[in-house]
Amino acid sequence: METITEKTSKNLNSLIVINNDRYEGYKTAAEETKDIDLKTLFQDYSKQSEQFGEELRRIMPDDKYAPAQDETKTSGKLYRVFMDMKAALNGKDRKGILASCEFGEDEAKKTYNEILGHPEELDRETLIVIKKQQIELRSAHDKVKVLRDKA
C-alpha cells in the first residue's frame, strides 16, 4: 500500500509534467502569433507554468518521484506539433492559436481536477498549493476562452 508521501509525490509529478507541457505550449504559441497582445499574454502564462513547476518541486516530499526538469508528456509533445502544423496551415490565425491554447488549458484543468478529486492522497500543504494554482489556471483558461470567442 502506498504511503501519503508516495501518493503526494506521484501527484506532484503529474502536475509538474503538465506544467512543463503548458510552459512549452505557451512558449510555442508566443513564437507562432504575430499579435503583440497574445505574445505578451502567452509569455506570461509560460512563465506562470514555470513558476508553478518550481513551486511544486519545492514541496515534493520524495525527490525520487520528481520528473526531469524539462520532462513533458508525449501527448504534450504531440499537441505542440499539432499546434505548429495548425499555425502553419492557418497562417498563424489568432482564433486557431487561441483554440489550441484553450485545449492545452483544458488538459491542465483536467489534471488538477483529477488530483484534487482525491484530497486524501495529499498532505495539507500540498493541497493548499494545488488549489491556489488551480484557481489561477481556471482564470487563465477563462481569459483564453473569452479571447478566442472574440476572435
Protein backbone atom coordinates (compact mmCIF):
# COMPACT_ATOMS: atom_id res chain seq x y z
CA MET A 1 0.00 0.00 0.00
CA GLU A 2 1.30 3.43 -0.96
CA THR A 3 2.11 5.94 1.74
CA ILE A 4 0.81 9.51 1.71
CA THR A 5 4.36 10.59 0.79
CA GLU A 6 4.36 8.31 -2.27
CA LYS A 7 0.86 9.37 -3.34
CA THR A 8 1.65 13.05 -2.88
CA SER A 9 4.94 12.69 -4.77
CA LYS A 10 3.29 10.90 -7.71
CA ASN A 11 0.53 13.50 -7.88
CA LEU A 12 3.07 16.32 -7.81
CA ASN A 13 4.98 14.58 -10.59
CA SER A 14 1.85 14.66 -12.77
CA LEU A 15 1.30 18.35 -12.06
CA ILE A 16 4.92 19.26 -12.75
CA VAL A 17 4.79 17.43 -16.09
CA ILE A 18 1.52 19.13 -17.12
CA ASN A 19 3.03 22.49 -16.20
CA ASN A 20 6.09 21.65 -18.31
CA ASP A 21 3.68 20.91 -21.19
CA ARG A 22 1.85 24.17 -20.56
CA TYR A 23 5.14 26.08 -20.41
CA GLU A 24 6.27 24.64 -23.75
CA GLY A 25 2.84 25.10 -25.32
CA TYR A 26 2.64 28.78 -24.43
CA LYS A 27 6.25 29.32 -25.44
CA THR A 28 5.39 27.87 -28.85
CA ALA A 29 2.19 29.92 -29.06
CA ALA A 30 4.13 33.12 -28.26
CA GLU A 31 6.54 32.31 -31.08
CA GLU A 32 3.72 31.48 -33.53
CA THR A 33 1.49 34.51 -33.03
CA LYS A 34 2.03 37.81 -34.73
CA ASP A 35 -0.33 39.61 -32.31
CA ILE A 36 1.60 41.55 -29.68
CA ASP A 37 -1.16 41.29 -27.06
CA LEU A 38 -1.23 37.49 -27.40
CA LYS A 39 2.55 37.22 -27.47
CA THR A 40 2.70 39.06 -24.12
CA LEU A 41 -0.12 37.00 -22.61
CA PHE A 42 1.40 33.71 -23.76
CA GLN A 43 4.82 34.68 -22.40
CA ASP A 44 3.18 35.49 -19.06
CA TYR A 45 1.39 32.14 -18.95
CA SER A 46 4.57 30.33 -19.93
CA LYS A 47 6.37 32.00 -17.01
CA GLN A 48 3.42 31.17 -14.75
CA SER A 49 3.76 27.48 -15.60
CA GLU A 50 7.49 27.59 -14.95
CA GLN A 51 6.79 29.16 -11.54
CA PHE A 52 4.10 26.57 -10.77
CA GLY A 53 6.52 23.76 -11.59
CA GLU A 54 9.22 25.24 -9.38
CA GLU A 55 6.73 25.69 -6.54
CA LEU A 56 5.61 22.08 -6.85
CA ARG A 57 9.21 20.82 -6.93
CA ARG A 58 9.94 22.66 -3.68
CA ILE A 59 7.18 20.76 -1.85
CA MET A 60 7.95 17.37 -3.43
CA PRO A 61 8.25 15.07 -0.39
CA ASP A 62 10.31 12.40 -2.17
CA ASP A 63 12.70 13.53 -4.92
CA LYS A 64 12.90 10.08 -6.47
CA TYR A 65 9.45 10.81 -7.98
CA ALA A 66 10.44 14.20 -9.40
CA PRO A 67 10.41 14.36 -13.20
CA ALA A 68 13.34 15.67 -15.20
CA GLN A 69 13.39 19.46 -15.35
CA ASP A 70 12.07 19.56 -18.92
CA GLU A 71 10.06 16.32 -18.94
CA THR A 72 6.74 16.53 -20.75
CA LYS A 73 4.01 14.05 -21.56
CA THR A 74 4.10 12.50 -25.01
CA SER A 75 0.64 13.96 -25.55
CA GLY A 76 2.05 17.42 -24.79
CA LYS A 77 4.73 16.97 -27.42
CA LEU A 78 2.16 15.81 -29.94
CA TYR A 79 -0.06 18.77 -29.04
CA ARG A 80 2.77 21.21 -29.77
CA VAL A 81 3.46 19.55 -33.13
CA PHE A 82 -0.25 19.81 -33.93
CA MET A 83 -0.24 23.47 -32.91
CA ASP A 84 2.78 24.17 -35.15
CA MET A 85 1.08 22.45 -38.11
CA LYS A 86 -2.21 24.21 -37.46
CA ALA A 87 -0.49 27.61 -37.21
CA ALA A 88 1.36 26.99 -40.47
CA LEU A 89 -1.82 25.93 -42.26
CA ASN A 90 -3.93 28.75 -40.86
CA GLY A 91 -1.38 31.48 -41.42
CA LYS A 92 -0.88 31.83 -37.67
CA ASP A 93 -4.58 32.61 -37.28
CA ARG A 94 -5.46 34.30 -33.95
CA LYS A 95 -8.56 32.21 -33.31
CA GLY A 96 -6.77 28.96 -34.18
CA ILE A 97 -3.86 29.66 -31.85
CA LEU A 98 -6.25 30.63 -29.04
CA ALA A 99 -8.29 27.46 -29.62
CA SER A 100 -5.10 25.39 -29.36
CA CYS A 101 -4.17 27.18 -26.14
CA GLU A 102 -7.63 26.57 -24.72
CA PHE A 103 -7.22 22.88 -25.50
CA GLY A 104 -3.96 22.90 -23.52
CA GLU A 105 -5.66 24.71 -20.65
CA ASP A 106 -8.41 22.08 -20.66
CA GLU A 107 -5.76 19.36 -20.27
CA ALA A 108 -4.13 21.21 -17.36
CA LYS A 109 -7.51 21.77 -15.67
CA LYS A 110 -8.36 18.09 -16.10
CA THR A 111 -5.12 17.01 -14.43
CA TYR A 112 -5.62 19.39 -11.49
CA ASN A 113 -9.27 18.32 -11.12
CA GLU A 114 -8.35 14.62 -11.11
CA ILE A 115 -5.76 15.11 -8.39
CA LEU A 116 -7.94 17.39 -6.29
CA GLY A 117 -10.70 14.80 -6.60
CA HIS A 118 -8.67 12.68 -4.16
CA PRO A 119 -7.62 15.12 -1.42
CA GLU A 120 -6.84 12.20 0.92
CA GLU A 121 -3.81 11.48 -1.30
CA LEU A 122 -2.26 14.86 -0.50
CA ASP A 123 -0.77 16.39 2.58
CA ARG A 124 -2.26 19.67 3.79
CA GLU A 125 0.48 21.99 2.47
CA THR A 126 0.35 20.39 -0.96
CA LEU A 127 -3.43 20.63 -1.10
CA ILE A 128 -3.28 24.38 -0.40
CA VAL A 129 -0.66 24.99 -3.12
CA ILE A 130 -2.52 22.92 -5.72
CA LYS A 131 -5.86 24.64 -5.00
CA LYS A 132 -4.20 28.06 -5.38
CA GLN A 133 -2.66 27.06 -8.69
CA GLN A 134 -5.96 25.59 -9.88
CA ILE A 135 -7.70 28.93 -9.31
CA GLU A 136 -5.04 30.74 -11.35
CA LEU A 137 -5.26 28.12 -14.11
CA ARG A 138 -9.03 28.47 -14.26
CA SER A 139 -8.63 32.24 -14.62
CA ALA A 140 -6.11 31.77 -17.46
CA HIS A 141 -8.41 29.29 -19.20
CA ASP A 142 -11.36 31.67 -18.96
CA LYS A 143 -9.31 34.57 -20.34
CA VAL A 144 -8.08 32.49 -23.29
CA LYS A 145 -11.63 31.30 -23.97
CA VAL A 146 -13.03 34.85 -23.96
CA LEU A 147 -10.28 35.99 -26.34
CA ARG A 148 -10.96 33.00 -28.61
CA ASP A 149 -14.69 33.74 -28.66
CA LYS A 150 -13.99 37.39 -29.61
CA ALA A 151 -11.53 36.47 -32.38
